[in-house]
């Protein structure tokens, strides 16, 4: 019978190496339960492999950083101790495919007292899901100081309230780009405590270029507007949601507008193509099993209308 050479020294070395590897993986993650923990300049460095959990205390982001997910049940996240020794920061959340994280605490996108020393922005990357379920607070008084939310890949679910205010014009405050989806699971109309708090209804505050706005969980009756970028924009409404928009959808270049989802009660009360700059190749596309009702399509949508699936009702000639 063949024998196997089992070296006690080699076996011990392999076990020790495996244990060290596990310790290193665990140490990469950061948990904040009380007090203050800093990441970035002067604090812990992070990578896309690091999951940050905030259950209490404060996570201070002292310079732009990347993490693999933001989780936790409380506490708060803010930028650079609101000290002029630091600057504005962007937290890139790069969630791996198949992973999902939920943060229920407070995010301070700018100074809570109106002084607006440092602004906190979020960029979502990676194919996984990040949910922001808590209430973000803060106000800004300087036009040069504005927080941003950018979705470049995967899903960012907004079930909480993001602390935008109306003291300044938040041009391009929200961008949803190709490969990205922003799921809005809270009222997105103007108003304190809503998904975007008191962010202006103006179309220049939000641009969708190749990405998707998905509406779920709550009915929507809103005058919020947005801009369709060069990559086009998709509006998707879940089956159980009644969606009524009195806002305008502004064109900016050659993008198409796609309406989809399973809802049978989704309505645009303004004609598509009536605002902004559309190109000769722009068109309105209806996809998905549901029904969309639209108050007409103007001649600016030069390539017309394409119904791929479901039902499209045009209530007026434009």
Protein backbone atom coordinates (compact mmCIF):
# COMPACT_ATOMS: atom_id res chain seq x y z
CA UNK A 1 0.00 0.00 0.00
CA UNK A 2 1.42 3.44 -0.90
CA UNK A 3 2.25 5.71 1.99
CA UNK A 4 1.84 9.45 2.30
CA UNK A 5 4.62 11.55 3.75
CA UNK A 6 2.91 13.72 6.35
CA UNK A 7 5.42 16.11 7.75
CA UNK A 8 4.32 17.51 11.14
CA UNK A 9 6.36 20.64 10.48
CA UNK A 10 4.81 21.22 7.05
CA UNK A 11 1.29 20.55 8.36
CA UNK A 12 1.77 23.02 11.21
CA UNK A 13 3.14 25.61 8.80
CA UNK A 14 0.13 25.26 6.47
CA UNK A 15 -2.34 25.52 9.35
CA UNK A 16 -0.58 28.61 10.70
CA UNK A 17 -0.58 30.22 7.26
CA UNK A 18 -4.30 29.51 6.83
CA UNK A 19 -5.05 31.00 10.24
CA UNK A 20 -3.02 34.10 9.43
CA UNK A 21 -4.88 34.47 6.14
CA UNK A 22 -8.23 34.38 7.96
CA UNK A 23 -7.05 36.97 10.46
CA UNK A 24 -5.95 39.28 7.66
CA UNK A 25 -9.31 39.02 5.88
CA UNK A 26 -11.20 39.75 9.08
CA UNK A 27 -8.92 42.65 9.96
CA UNK A 28 -9.65 44.28 6.60
CA UNK A 29 -13.24 44.90 7.70
CA UNK A 30 -13.99 47.82 10.01
CA UNK A 31 -16.71 47.97 12.66
CA UNK A 32 -17.60 51.18 14.49
CA UNK A 33 -19.71 50.76 17.63
CA UNK A 34 -18.80 53.87 19.63
CA UNK A 35 -16.39 56.77 19.62
CA UNK A 36 -14.82 57.95 16.34
CA UNK A 37 -13.01 55.94 13.68
CA UNK A 38 -11.33 57.62 10.71
CA UNK A 39 -10.63 56.22 7.27
CA UNK A 40 -8.52 58.03 4.71
CA UNK A 41 -5.79 60.57 5.43
CA UNK A 42 -4.55 60.11 8.98
CA UNK A 43 -6.80 57.11 9.53
CA UNK A 44 -7.13 53.53 8.26
CA UNK A 45 -6.65 52.96 4.54
CA UNK A 46 -9.37 50.94 2.85
CA UNK A 47 -9.90 48.99 -0.37
CA UNK A 48 -12.83 47.57 -2.32
CA UNK A 49 -12.48 44.40 -0.23
CA UNK A 50 -13.31 46.18 3.02
CA UNK A 51 -16.82 46.13 4.47
CA UNK A 52 -17.43 48.99 6.90
CA UNK A 53 -20.12 48.45 9.55
CA UNK A 54 -21.33 51.41 11.63
CA UNK A 55 -23.62 50.48 14.54
CA UNK A 56 -22.85 53.51 16.71
CA UNK A 57 -20.34 56.30 17.08
CA UNK A 58 -18.96 58.16 14.05
CA UNK A 59 -17.09 57.14 10.94
CA UNK A 60 -15.07 60.10 9.68
CA UNK A 61 -13.97 59.92 6.05
CA UNK A 62 -10.94 62.20 5.99
CA UNK A 63 -10.06 61.79 2.30
CA UNK A 64 -11.71 60.16 -0.70
CA UNK A 65 -11.78 56.41 -0.08
CA UNK A 66 -13.09 53.15 -1.54
CA UNK A 67 -14.86 50.42 0.43
CA UNK A 68 -16.65 47.21 -0.50
CA UNK A 69 -19.88 48.00 1.29
CA UNK A 70 -21.47 50.12 4.02
CA UNK A 71 -23.55 48.31 6.63
CA UNK A 72 -24.82 48.82 10.16
CA UNK A 73 -27.75 49.82 12.29
CA UNK A 74 -26.86 53.29 13.55
CA UNK A 75 -24.20 55.88 14.22
CA UNK A 76 -23.22 58.41 11.58
CA UNK A 77 -20.83 58.92 8.67
CA UNK A 78 -19.39 62.36 7.87
CA UNK A 79 -16.51 64.13 6.13
CA UNK A 80 -13.25 65.15 7.77
CA UNK A 81 -14.52 66.15 11.22
CA UNK A 82 -16.00 69.24 9.47
CA UNK A 83 -12.53 70.74 9.87
CA UNK A 84 -10.77 72.93 7.32
CA UNK A 85 -7.71 70.74 7.88
CA UNK A 86 -9.46 68.29 5.56
CA UNK A 87 -11.44 68.76 2.36
CA UNK A 88 -14.49 67.50 0.50
CA UNK A 89 -14.56 63.73 0.12
CA UNK A 90 -16.15 61.05 -2.04
CA UNK A 91 -16.84 57.60 -0.63
CA UNK A 92 -16.80 55.05 -3.46
CA UNK A 93 -18.82 51.96 -2.52
CA UNK A 94 -17.71 49.11 -4.77
CA UNK A 95 -20.04 46.23 -3.95
CA UNK A 96 -19.12 42.89 -5.49
CA UNK A 97 -21.57 41.02 -7.72
CA UNK A 98 -24.05 39.04 -5.65
CA UNK A 99 -23.34 40.99 -2.46
CA UNK A 100 -25.82 43.29 -0.71
CA UNK A 101 -25.34 45.75 2.17
CA UNK A 102 -27.77 47.97 4.10
CA UNK A 103 -26.86 51.02 6.18
CA UNK A 104 -29.52 52.33 8.58
CA UNK A 105 -27.56 55.15 10.20
CA UNK A 106 -27.14 58.85 9.48
CA UNK A 107 -25.00 60.26 6.68
CA UNK A 108 -23.99 63.91 6.91
CA UNK A 109 -23.63 64.96 3.26
CA UNK A 110 -22.59 68.41 4.49
CA UNK A 111 -22.29 70.29 7.76
CA UNK A 112 -25.25 69.77 10.06
CA UNK A 113 -25.07 73.36 11.31
CA UNK A 114 -25.09 75.07 7.90
CA UNK A 115 -21.37 75.96 7.90
CA UNK A 116 -20.64 73.45 5.13
CA UNK A 117 -16.92 73.02 5.71
CA UNK A 118 -16.60 69.62 4.00
CA UNK A 119 -19.01 67.95 1.58
CA UNK A 120 -19.63 64.21 1.51
CA UNK A 121 -20.46 62.54 -1.81
CA UNK A 122 -21.18 58.92 -2.68
CA UNK A 123 -20.24 57.03 -5.85
CA UNK A 124 -21.72 53.53 -6.26
CA UNK A 125 -19.67 51.07 -8.32
CA UNK A 126 -19.55 47.27 -8.52
CA UNK A 127 -22.37 44.98 -9.64
CA UNK A 128 -23.81 44.36 -6.16
CA UNK A 129 -26.43 46.25 -4.12
CA UNK A 130 -25.99 49.06 -1.59
CA UNK A 131 -29.04 50.30 0.30
CA UNK A 132 -29.11 53.61 2.18
CA UNK A 133 -31.99 53.19 4.61
CA UNK A 134 -31.29 55.87 7.21
CA UNK A 135 -31.94 59.59 7.31
CA UNK A 136 -29.16 61.80 6.01
CA UNK A 137 -29.13 65.30 7.44
CA UNK A 138 -27.35 68.54 6.72
CA UNK A 139 -27.67 71.76 4.78
CA UNK A 140 -25.44 73.76 2.50
CA UNK A 141 -25.26 77.50 1.98
CA UNK A 142 -22.47 77.90 -0.58
CA UNK A 143 -22.97 77.27 -4.33
CA UNK A 144 -19.51 75.70 -4.49
CA UNK A 145 -20.40 73.19 -1.78
CA UNK A 146 -22.84 70.53 -2.93
CA UNK A 147 -23.02 66.80 -2.16
CA UNK A 148 -23.46 64.37 -5.05
CA UNK A 149 -24.75 60.86 -5.59
CA UNK A 150 -23.33 59.03 -8.61
CA UNK A 151 -24.35 55.52 -9.66
CA UNK A 152 -21.90 53.98 -12.13
CA UNK A 153 -22.72 50.28 -11.74
CA UNK A 154 -24.99 47.88 -9.88
CA UNK A 155 -27.91 48.96 -7.70
CA UNK A 156 -28.15 51.83 -5.22
CA UNK A 157 -31.41 51.56 -3.28
CA UNK A 158 -32.67 54.77 -1.70
CA UNK A 159 -35.11 53.75 1.03
CA UNK A 160 -33.96 56.51 3.37
CA UNK A 161 -33.81 60.30 3.05
CA UNK A 162 -30.78 62.11 1.60
CA UNK A 163 -30.13 65.56 3.07
CA UNK A 164 -30.34 67.86 0.09
CA UNK A 165 -31.59 71.38 0.71
CA UNK A 166 -32.73 74.20 -1.58
CA UNK A 167 -30.35 76.97 -0.53
CA UNK A 168 -28.31 76.50 -3.72
CA UNK A 169 -28.79 75.16 -7.25
CA UNK A 170 -27.65 71.55 -7.10
CA UNK A 171 -26.71 71.22 -10.76
CA UNK A 172 -25.92 67.54 -11.50
CA UNK A 173 -26.45 66.53 -7.88
CA UNK A 174 -27.54 63.05 -8.97
CA UNK A 175 -26.13 61.07 -11.90
CA UNK A 176 -27.19 57.55 -12.90
CA UNK A 177 -24.87 56.26 -15.61
CA UNK A 178 -24.60 53.27 -17.92
CA UNK A 179 -24.83 50.00 -16.00
CA UNK A 180 -26.25 51.68 -12.90
CA UNK A 181 -29.72 51.56 -11.34
CA UNK A 182 -31.10 53.82 -8.63
CA UNK A 183 -34.05 52.18 -6.92
CA UNK A 184 -36.31 54.70 -5.22
CA UNK A 185 -38.25 53.07 -2.41
CA UNK A 186 -39.45 56.30 -0.80
CA UNK A 187 -41.43 59.30 -2.03
CA UNK A 188 -39.12 61.21 -4.37
CA UNK A 189 -41.16 64.42 -4.48
CA UNK A 190 -39.91 67.68 -2.95
CA UNK A 191 -40.33 67.71 0.82
CA UNK A 192 -38.55 67.22 4.10
CA UNK A 193 -38.02 63.54 4.85
CA UNK A 194 -38.54 62.38 1.27
CA UNK A 195 -35.91 60.47 -0.69
CA UNK A 196 -34.06 63.61 -1.80
CA UNK A 197 -35.40 65.88 0.93
CA UNK A 198 -35.72 69.40 -0.52
CA UNK A 199 -33.74 68.94 -3.73
CA UNK A 200 -35.12 71.27 -6.41
CA UNK A 201 -37.53 69.82 -8.98
CA UNK A 202 -35.45 71.34 -11.79
CA UNK A 203 -34.32 68.90 -14.49
CA UNK A 204 -30.69 70.00 -14.14
CA UNK A 205 -30.41 68.46 -10.68
CA UNK A 206 -30.59 64.87 -11.97
CA UNK A 207 -29.13 63.29 -15.12
CA UNK A 208 -29.73 59.73 -16.25
CA UNK A 209 -27.32 58.65 -19.00
CA UNK A 210 -27.51 54.96 -19.78
CA UNK A 211 -28.89 54.14 -16.35
CA UNK A 212 -32.26 53.25 -14.83
CA UNK A 213 -34.56 54.89 -12.29
CA UNK A 214 -36.63 52.12 -10.70
CA UNK A 215 -39.61 52.93 -8.50
CA UNK A 216 -40.74 50.44 -5.85
CA UNK A 217 -42.54 50.14 -2.54
CA UNK A 218 -44.47 53.43 -2.51
CA UNK A 219 -46.84 55.24 -4.87
CA UNK A 220 -45.42 58.32 -6.52
CA UNK A 221 -47.20 61.58 -7.40
CA UNK A 222 -44.48 64.07 -8.14
CA UNK A 223 -43.45 67.13 -10.10
CA UNK A 224 -39.78 66.13 -10.10
CA UNK A 225 -37.96 66.52 -13.42
CA UNK A 226 -34.74 65.05 -14.77
CA UNK A 227 -32.48 65.13 -17.83
CA UNK A 228 -31.88 62.33 -20.32
CA UNK A 229 -28.16 62.09 -21.11
CA UNK A 230 -26.43 60.79 -24.21
CA UNK A 231 -26.70 57.17 -23.08
CA UNK A 232 -30.47 57.37 -22.77
CA UNK A 233 -32.63 56.81 -19.70
CA UNK A 234 -34.97 54.10 -18.46
CA UNK A 235 -37.92 54.59 -16.10
CA UNK A 236 -39.09 51.34 -14.52
CA UNK A 237 -42.12 51.10 -12.23
CA UNK A 238 -42.81 47.95 -10.17
CA UNK A 239 -46.14 46.15 -10.48
CA UNK A 240 -47.65 47.36 -7.19
CA UNK A 241 -46.72 51.05 -7.65
CA UNK A 242 -48.95 53.81 -9.04
CA UNK A 243 -46.70 56.39 -10.68
CA UNK A 244 -47.82 59.86 -11.78
CA UNK A 245 -45.25 62.45 -12.87
CA UNK A 246 -46.15 66.06 -13.57
CA UNK A 247 -42.49 66.93 -14.06
CA UNK A 248 -40.67 67.38 -17.34
CA UNK A 249 -38.11 65.09 -18.94
CA UNK A 250 -35.47 67.20 -20.63
CA UNK A 251 -33.31 66.02 -23.50
CA UNK A 252 -29.66 66.97 -23.66
CA UNK A 253 -28.35 64.98 -26.61
CA UNK A 254 -29.05 61.82 -28.63
CA UNK A 255 -30.43 59.58 -25.87
CA UNK A 256 -33.66 57.56 -25.98
CA UNK A 257 -36.27 57.42 -23.22
CA UNK A 258 -37.40 53.88 -22.34
CA UNK A 259 -40.50 53.25 -20.22
CA UNK A 260 -40.78 49.81 -18.65
CA UNK A 261 -41.93 47.82 -15.64
CA UNK A 262 -45.00 45.78 -14.72
CA UNK A 263 -47.16 48.62 -13.33
CA UNK A 264 -50.44 49.18 -15.17
CA UNK A 265 -50.79 52.69 -13.74
CA UNK A 266 -47.75 54.75 -14.77
CA UNK A 267 -48.34 58.22 -16.21
CA UNK A 268 -46.35 61.14 -17.62
CA UNK A 269 -48.63 64.18 -17.74
CA UNK A 270 -46.24 66.22 -19.91
CA UNK A 271 -45.41 65.38 -23.51
CA UNK A 272 -42.06 63.73 -24.12
CA UNK A 273 -39.74 65.93 -26.19
CA UNK A 274 -41.16 69.26 -25.13
CA UNK A 275 -38.15 70.34 -23.06
CA UNK A 276 -34.42 70.43 -23.69
CA UNK A 277 -32.46 69.37 -26.76
CA UNK A 278 -33.22 66.07 -28.49
CA UNK A 279 -31.56 64.70 -31.63
CA UNK A 280 -32.82 63.19 -34.87
CA UNK A 281 -32.07 59.72 -33.49
CA UNK A 282 -33.98 60.14 -30.21
CA UNK A 283 -37.07 58.02 -29.70
CA UNK A 284 -39.54 56.89 -27.05
CA UNK A 285 -39.40 53.14 -26.36
CA UNK A 286 -42.03 51.14 -24.47
CA UNK A 287 -40.80 47.90 -22.94
CA UNK A 288 -41.96 45.62 -20.14
CA UNK A 289 -45.37 44.05 -19.53
CA UNK A 290 -47.06 47.06 -17.93
CA UNK A 291 -48.97 50.09 -19.22
CA UNK A 292 -47.65 53.64 -19.56
CA UNK A 293 -49.88 56.64 -20.31
CA UNK A 294 -48.08 59.62 -21.86
CA UNK A 295 -49.41 63.06 -22.81
CA UNK A 296 -48.05 62.93 -26.33
CA UNK A 297 -44.70 62.93 -28.08
CA UNK A 298 -43.43 66.08 -29.76
CA UNK A 299 -41.68 66.34 -33.12
CA UNK A 300 -38.39 66.73 -31.23
CA UNK A 301 -38.48 62.93 -30.81
CA UNK A 302 -37.66 62.65 -34.49
CA UNK A 303 -37.26 58.87 -34.60
CA UNK A 304 -40.75 58.40 -33.18
CA UNK A 305 -42.13 55.71 -30.91
CA UNK A 306 -41.26 52.02 -30.63
CA UNK A 307 -43.45 49.61 -28.65
CA UNK A 308 -41.47 46.47 -27.87
CA UNK A 309 -43.73 45.05 -25.17
CA UNK A 310 -46.74 46.01 -23.08
CA UNK A 311 -49.09 48.93 -23.74
CA UNK A 312 -48.42 52.60 -24.45
CA UNK A 313 -51.31 55.08 -24.36
CA UNK A 314 -50.76 58.51 -25.95
CA UNK A 315 -53.45 60.91 -24.76
CA UNK A 316 -52.64 63.83 -27.05
CA UNK A 317 -51.08 64.70 -30.38
CA UNK A 318 -48.05 66.93 -29.89
